[in-house]
Amino acid sequence: MFIRSTESTIHFGRPFRLSQFDETQPAGSYRLITEEERLEGLSFEVFQRMRTLLYLPAIALAGHAREVVDVDPIELAAALVVDALQGLGGPPKAPR
């Protein structure tokens, strides 16, 4: 079994909340690690996501204890889209 990890930094311009959190998280940059497992027995290389780990709190909040939370990658992507839309003035309003 071969597992690979990919590390990235994501940024929220506004406070956000995911279902895995008890509290709203502050705006800022967050460390994100995605772990994937290679599927064996295929003639080409394929990886399946095993988990997505988000480090709390935001990187800039020094002196706080770090917590690692396994988050739903689809919910996280949706929260990032909502944050980006709010940064542009919010989603378009439905016509009346």
N, C-alpha and C. Protein backbone atom coordinates (compact mmCIF):
# COMPACT_ATOMS: atom_id res chain seq x y z
N MET A 1 0.85 -1.16 0.00
CA MET A 1 0.00 0.00 0.00
C MET A 1 0.90 1.23 0.00
N PHE A 2 0.66 2.13 -0.95
CA PHE A 2 1.42 3.37 -1.07
C PHE A 2 0.47 4.53 -0.78
N ILE A 3 0.87 5.37 0.17
CA ILE A 3 0.06 6.54 0.54
C ILE A 3 0.88 7.79 0.26
N ARG A 4 0.22 8.76 -0.36
CA ARG A 4 0.90 10.04 -0.58
C ARG A 4 0.12 11.14 0.12
N SER A 5 0.86 12.16 0.54
CA SER A 5 0.26 13.32 1.20
C SER A 5 0.59 14.56 0.39
N THR A 6 -0.39 15.41 0.24
CA THR A 6 -0.21 16.68 -0.44
C THR A 6 -0.56 17.78 0.55
N GLU A 7 0.37 18.72 0.74
CA GLU A 7 0.13 19.83 1.66
C GLU A 7 -0.10 21.10 0.87
N SER A 8 -1.07 21.88 1.33
CA SER A 8 -1.34 23.17 0.71
C SER A 8 -1.83 24.14 1.79
N THR A 9 -1.96 25.38 1.41
CA THR A 9 -2.49 26.41 2.30
C THR A 9 -3.73 26.98 1.65
N ILE A 10 -4.80 27.05 2.41
CA ILE A 10 -6.03 27.65 1.91
C ILE A 10 -6.28 28.92 2.71
N HIS A 11 -7.06 29.83 2.14
CA HIS A 11 -7.31 31.11 2.81
C HIS A 11 -8.80 31.43 2.82
N PHE A 12 -9.27 31.84 3.99
CA PHE A 12 -10.63 32.34 4.15
C PHE A 12 -10.53 33.82 4.48
N GLY A 13 -11.25 34.64 3.73
CA GLY A 13 -11.26 36.07 3.97
C GLY A 13 -12.22 36.48 5.06
N ARG A 14 -13.11 35.58 5.44
CA ARG A 14 -14.11 35.83 6.47
C ARG A 14 -14.22 34.62 7.38
N PRO A 15 -14.75 34.81 8.59
CA PRO A 15 -14.96 33.65 9.46
C PRO A 15 -15.84 32.62 8.76
N PHE A 16 -15.64 31.36 9.10
CA PHE A 16 -16.37 30.28 8.44
C PHE A 16 -16.66 29.17 9.43
N ARG A 17 -17.55 28.30 9.02
CA ARG A 17 -17.91 27.17 9.88
C ARG A 17 -18.18 25.95 9.02
N LEU A 18 -17.71 24.80 9.48
CA LEU A 18 -18.00 23.52 8.84
C LEU A 18 -18.70 22.65 9.87
N SER A 19 -19.40 21.63 9.42
CA SER A 19 -20.17 20.78 10.33
C SER A 19 -19.29 20.05 11.35
N GLN A 20 -18.00 19.89 11.04
CA GLN A 20 -17.10 19.19 11.95
C GLN A 20 -16.65 20.06 13.13
N PHE A 21 -16.94 21.36 13.08
CA PHE A 21 -16.49 22.30 14.11
C PHE A 21 -17.60 22.60 15.10
N ASP A 22 -17.22 22.80 16.35
CA ASP A 22 -18.17 23.25 17.35
C ASP A 22 -18.36 24.77 17.27
N GLU A 23 -17.32 25.47 16.79
CA GLU A 23 -17.35 26.93 16.76
C GLU A 23 -16.97 27.45 15.38
N THR A 24 -17.32 28.69 15.12
CA THR A 24 -16.90 29.38 13.90
C THR A 24 -15.40 29.60 13.97
N GLN A 25 -14.72 29.42 12.85
CA GLN A 25 -13.27 29.61 12.77
C GLN A 25 -12.97 31.00 12.21
N PRO A 26 -11.90 31.64 12.67
CA PRO A 26 -11.59 32.98 12.19
C PRO A 26 -11.05 32.98 10.77
N ALA A 27 -11.17 34.12 10.12
CA ALA A 27 -10.57 34.30 8.79
C ALA A 27 -9.07 34.10 8.91
N GLY A 28 -8.45 33.67 7.81
CA GLY A 28 -7.00 33.49 7.81
C GLY A 28 -6.58 32.35 6.91
N SER A 29 -5.29 32.06 6.93
CA SER A 29 -4.72 30.97 6.14
C SER A 29 -4.62 29.72 6.99
N TYR A 30 -4.96 28.58 6.39
CA TYR A 30 -4.98 27.31 7.10
C TYR A 30 -4.17 26.27 6.35
N ARG A 31 -3.47 25.44 7.09
CA ARG A 31 -2.71 24.32 6.52
C ARG A 31 -3.67 23.18 6.25
N LEU A 32 -3.57 22.61 5.04
CA LEU A 32 -4.45 21.53 4.62
C LEU A 32 -3.60 20.38 4.09
N ILE A 33 -3.87 19.17 4.55
CA ILE A 33 -3.17 18.00 4.06
C ILE A 33 -4.19 16.99 3.54
N THR A 34 -3.95 16.53 2.32
CA THR A 34 -4.80 15.51 1.70
C THR A 34 -3.99 14.23 1.60
N GLU A 35 -4.53 13.13 2.14
CA GLU A 35 -3.87 11.83 2.07
C GLU A 35 -4.62 10.95 1.09
N GLU A 36 -3.86 10.33 0.18
CA GLU A 36 -4.44 9.47 -0.84
C GLU A 36 -3.70 8.14 -0.88
N GLU A 37 -4.45 7.09 -1.19
CA GLU A 37 -3.90 5.74 -1.28
C GLU A 37 -3.91 5.30 -2.75
N ARG A 38 -2.80 4.72 -3.19
CA ARG A 38 -2.74 4.22 -4.56
C ARG A 38 -3.53 2.92 -4.65
N LEU A 39 -4.37 2.82 -5.67
CA LEU A 39 -5.13 1.59 -5.90
C LEU A 39 -4.27 0.64 -6.70
N GLU A 40 -4.11 -0.57 -6.21
CA GLU A 40 -3.24 -1.57 -6.83
C GLU A 40 -3.99 -2.37 -7.89
N GLY A 41 -3.24 -2.99 -8.78
CA GLY A 41 -3.80 -3.93 -9.74
C GLY A 41 -4.31 -3.32 -11.03
N LEU A 42 -4.04 -2.04 -11.23
CA LEU A 42 -4.47 -1.39 -12.47
C LEU A 42 -3.27 -1.16 -13.38
N SER A 43 -3.52 -0.99 -14.66
CA SER A 43 -2.42 -0.78 -15.60
C SER A 43 -1.98 0.69 -15.63
N PHE A 44 -2.65 1.52 -14.86
CA PHE A 44 -2.29 2.93 -14.76
C PHE A 44 -2.41 3.35 -13.30
N GLU A 45 -1.76 4.45 -12.95
CA GLU A 45 -1.72 4.88 -11.55
C GLU A 45 -2.99 5.66 -11.19
N VAL A 46 -3.66 5.22 -10.13
CA VAL A 46 -4.88 5.86 -9.65
C VAL A 46 -4.77 6.00 -8.14
N PHE A 47 -5.17 7.17 -7.62
CA PHE A 47 -5.17 7.40 -6.19
C PHE A 47 -6.59 7.70 -5.72
N GLN A 48 -6.91 7.19 -4.54
CA GLN A 48 -8.21 7.44 -3.92
C GLN A 48 -7.98 8.25 -2.65
N ARG A 49 -8.73 9.36 -2.51
CA ARG A 49 -8.58 10.19 -1.32
C ARG A 49 -9.02 9.41 -0.09
N MET A 50 -8.18 9.42 0.92
CA MET A 50 -8.50 8.74 2.18
C MET A 50 -9.05 9.72 3.20
N ARG A 51 -8.39 10.89 3.31
CA ARG A 51 -8.86 11.90 4.24
C ARG A 51 -8.26 13.25 3.92
N THR A 52 -8.94 14.28 4.40
CA THR A 52 -8.51 15.65 4.23
C THR A 52 -8.40 16.25 5.63
N LEU A 53 -7.21 16.71 5.98
CA LEU A 53 -6.95 17.20 7.33
C LEU A 53 -6.73 18.70 7.32
N LEU A 54 -7.46 19.40 8.18
CA LEU A 54 -7.34 20.85 8.30
C LEU A 54 -6.77 21.16 9.68
N TYR A 55 -5.71 21.96 9.68
CA TYR A 55 -5.06 22.34 10.94
C TYR A 55 -5.70 23.61 11.47
N LEU A 56 -6.10 23.56 12.74
CA LEU A 56 -6.70 24.71 13.42
C LEU A 56 -5.80 25.15 14.57
N PRO A 57 -5.73 26.39 14.92
CA PRO A 57 -6.39 27.52 14.26
C PRO A 57 -5.60 27.97 13.05
N ALA A 58 -5.96 29.15 12.54
CA ALA A 58 -5.28 29.72 11.38
C ALA A 58 -3.79 29.85 11.67
N ILE A 59 -2.98 29.80 10.62
CA ILE A 59 -1.52 29.82 10.74
C ILE A 59 -1.03 31.04 11.51
N ALA A 60 -1.65 32.19 11.32
CA ALA A 60 -1.19 33.43 11.94
C ALA A 60 -1.48 33.50 13.44
N LEU A 61 -2.31 32.63 13.95
CA LEU A 61 -2.66 32.68 15.36
C LEU A 61 -1.66 31.88 16.19
N ALA A 62 -0.49 32.46 16.38
CA ALA A 62 0.57 31.79 17.14
C ALA A 62 0.19 31.70 18.62
N GLY A 63 0.73 30.71 19.29
CA GLY A 63 0.51 30.55 20.71
C GLY A 63 -0.74 29.77 21.07
N HIS A 64 -1.49 29.35 20.10
CA HIS A 64 -2.68 28.54 20.35
C HIS A 64 -2.34 27.07 20.12
N ALA A 65 -2.98 26.20 20.88
CA ALA A 65 -2.78 24.77 20.68
C ALA A 65 -3.32 24.38 19.31
N ARG A 66 -2.60 23.51 18.61
CA ARG A 66 -3.01 23.07 17.28
C ARG A 66 -3.94 21.87 17.41
N GLU A 67 -4.94 21.88 16.55
CA GLU A 67 -5.88 20.77 16.46
C GLU A 67 -5.96 20.38 15.00
N VAL A 68 -6.02 19.09 14.73
CA VAL A 68 -6.15 18.60 13.37
C VAL A 68 -7.53 17.96 13.25
N VAL A 69 -8.30 18.44 12.25
CA VAL A 69 -9.67 17.98 12.08
C VAL A 69 -9.80 17.34 10.70
N ASP A 70 -10.38 16.14 10.66
CA ASP A 70 -10.67 15.45 9.41
C ASP A 70 -11.95 16.08 8.86
N VAL A 71 -11.86 16.77 7.71
CA VAL A 71 -13.00 17.50 7.17
C VAL A 71 -13.50 16.86 5.88
N ASP A 72 -14.73 17.15 5.56
CA ASP A 72 -15.34 16.70 4.31
C ASP A 72 -14.82 17.61 3.19
N PRO A 73 -14.09 17.07 2.21
CA PRO A 73 -13.51 17.92 1.18
C PRO A 73 -14.54 18.66 0.33
N ILE A 74 -15.72 18.09 0.15
CA ILE A 74 -16.76 18.75 -0.63
C ILE A 74 -17.33 19.94 0.15
N GLU A 75 -17.56 19.75 1.44
CA GLU A 75 -18.05 20.84 2.28
C GLU A 75 -17.01 21.96 2.38
N LEU A 76 -15.74 21.59 2.47
CA LEU A 76 -14.66 22.58 2.52
C LEU A 76 -14.60 23.38 1.22
N ALA A 77 -14.70 22.70 0.09
CA ALA A 77 -14.69 23.39 -1.21
C ALA A 77 -15.87 24.35 -1.32
N ALA A 78 -17.03 23.93 -0.87
CA ALA A 78 -18.21 24.79 -0.91
C ALA A 78 -18.01 26.02 -0.03
N ALA A 79 -17.42 25.84 1.15
CA ALA A 79 -17.16 26.98 2.05
C ALA A 79 -16.18 27.96 1.42
N LEU A 80 -15.19 27.45 0.69
CA LEU A 80 -14.23 28.33 0.01
C LEU A 80 -14.91 29.10 -1.11
N VAL A 81 -15.83 28.48 -1.83
CA VAL A 81 -16.57 29.17 -2.89
C VAL A 81 -17.45 30.27 -2.30
N VAL A 82 -18.15 29.96 -1.22
CA VAL A 82 -19.00 30.96 -0.55
C VAL A 82 -18.14 32.13 -0.09
N ASP A 83 -16.99 31.85 0.50
CA ASP A 83 -16.09 32.90 0.96
C ASP A 83 -15.64 33.78 -0.20
N ALA A 84 -15.29 33.16 -1.32
CA ALA A 84 -14.84 33.92 -2.49
C ALA A 84 -15.97 34.79 -3.04
N LEU A 85 -17.19 34.26 -3.09
CA LEU A 85 -18.33 35.03 -3.58
C LEU A 85 -18.63 36.21 -2.67
N GLN A 86 -18.52 36.01 -1.37
CA GLN A 86 -18.75 37.10 -0.42
C GLN A 86 -17.69 38.18 -0.60
N GLY A 87 -16.48 37.79 -0.96
CA GLY A 87 -15.42 38.75 -1.21
C GLY A 87 -15.68 39.59 -2.44
N LEU A 88 -16.52 39.08 -3.33
CA LEU A 88 -16.88 39.82 -4.55
C LEU A 88 -18.18 40.60 -4.38
N GLY A 89 -18.70 40.62 -3.17
CA GLY A 89 -19.95 41.34 -2.93
C GLY A 89 -21.13 40.42 -2.76
N GLY A 90 -20.88 39.14 -2.69
CA GLY A 90 -21.96 38.18 -2.47
C GLY A 90 -22.43 37.56 -3.75
N PRO A 91 -23.18 36.47 -3.63
CA PRO A 91 -23.70 35.80 -4.82
C PRO A 91 -24.74 36.69 -5.49
N PRO A 92 -24.93 36.50 -6.80
CA PRO A 92 -25.94 37.31 -7.51
C PRO A 92 -27.32 37.09 -6.92
N LYS A 93 -28.11 38.15 -6.86
CA LYS A 93 -29.45 38.04 -6.32
C LYS A 93 -30.40 37.56 -7.42
N ALA A 94 -31.37 36.77 -7.03
CA ALA A 94 -32.35 36.25 -7.98
C ALA A 94 -33.21 37.40 -8.49
N PRO A 95 -33.55 37.39 -9.77
CA PRO A 95 -34.43 38.44 -10.30
C PRO A 95 -35.80 38.37 -9.66
N ARG A 96 -36.45 39.54 -9.56
CA ARG A 96 -37.79 39.58 -8.93
C ARG A 96 -38.86 39.44 -9.96
